[in-house]
Protein backbone atom coordinates (compact mmCIF):
# COMPACT_ATOMS: atom_id res chain seq x y z
CA MET A 1 234.27 203.85 279.31
CA THR A 2 234.60 206.79 276.89
CA ASN A 3 233.26 207.75 273.51
CA LYS A 4 235.52 208.02 270.51
CA ASN A 5 236.75 211.44 269.47
CA PRO A 6 237.38 211.42 265.72
CA ASP A 7 240.10 213.69 264.39
CA PRO A 8 238.26 216.42 262.44
CA ALA A 9 241.29 216.73 260.13
CA GLY A 10 241.44 212.97 259.60
CA LEU A 11 245.13 212.79 260.56
CA ALA A 12 244.96 210.50 263.61
CA TYR A 13 246.01 206.98 262.69
CA SER A 14 243.89 205.42 265.42
CA GLY A 15 240.84 207.42 264.41
CA ASP A 16 240.46 208.57 268.01
CA ILE A 17 242.37 211.67 269.14
CA GLY A 18 241.25 211.13 272.73
CA SER A 19 242.34 207.50 273.05
CA TYR A 20 245.04 208.43 275.58
CA ILE A 21 242.37 209.75 277.97
CA ASN A 22 241.39 206.26 278.97
CA THR A 23 240.98 206.27 282.76
CA GLN A 24 238.66 208.10 285.13
CA GLU A 25 241.67 209.93 286.57
CA LYS A 26 242.75 211.19 283.13
CA ILE A 27 239.17 212.20 282.31
CA LYS A 28 238.93 214.12 285.59
CA GLU A 29 242.27 215.86 284.90
CA ALA A 30 241.14 216.87 281.39
CA VAL A 31 237.84 218.23 282.72
CA GLU A 32 239.67 220.26 285.37
CA LYS A 33 241.97 221.75 282.72
CA PHE A 34 239.02 222.70 280.52
CA LYS A 35 237.28 224.31 283.50
CA LEU A 36 240.40 226.30 284.38
CA ALA A 37 240.77 227.49 280.77
CA TYR A 38 237.08 228.46 280.66
CA ASP A 39 237.33 230.39 283.94
CA ARG A 40 240.41 232.24 282.70
CA ALA A 41 238.79 233.05 279.34
CA TYR A 42 235.72 234.37 281.14
CA LYS A 43 237.93 236.53 283.37
CA ALA A 44 239.92 237.82 280.37
CA GLU A 45 236.73 238.85 278.58
CA ASP A 46 235.45 240.51 281.75
CA HIS A 47 238.68 242.51 282.03
CA ALA A 48 238.38 243.58 278.38
CA SER A 49 234.75 244.61 278.73
CA ARG A 50 235.69 246.88 281.64
CA GLY A 51 238.59 248.45 279.75
CA TYR A 52 241.40 246.61 281.54
CA VAL A 53 243.23 245.65 278.36
CA GLN A 54 246.57 244.79 279.95
CA GLU A 55 244.94 242.47 282.49
CA SER A 56 242.90 240.89 279.71
CA ILE A 57 245.96 240.16 277.58
CA GLU A 58 247.88 238.80 280.56
CA THR A 59 244.99 236.50 281.43
CA TRP A 60 244.73 235.22 277.84
CA GLY A 61 248.47 234.59 278.04
CA LYS A 62 247.88 232.21 280.95
CA ILE A 63 245.77 230.09 278.61
CA PHE A 64 247.85 230.22 275.44
CA GLY A 65 251.34 230.74 276.87
CA ALA A 66 253.99 231.69 274.33
CA TYR A 67 251.45 231.42 271.49
CA PHE A 68 249.75 234.61 272.70
CA PRO A 69 251.44 238.03 272.43
CA ALA A 70 252.58 239.65 275.65
CA TRP A 71 251.54 243.11 276.80
CA GLY A 72 253.86 245.95 275.94
């Protein structure tokens, strides 16, 4: 059903870091999450290009959560 996704770092024991995405439902969910992240990244860059730095940082924060610094 799916292609193998080798771990670029070579750490995955199974040799396939995407082995848990093994149903059409899980594939659809993953695709939707990637699309949402892409849309948010596009919006964040658009905010930045128009000088709306705070909005840009807040939008990036929606993608990366606590791993991204907050505004202020």
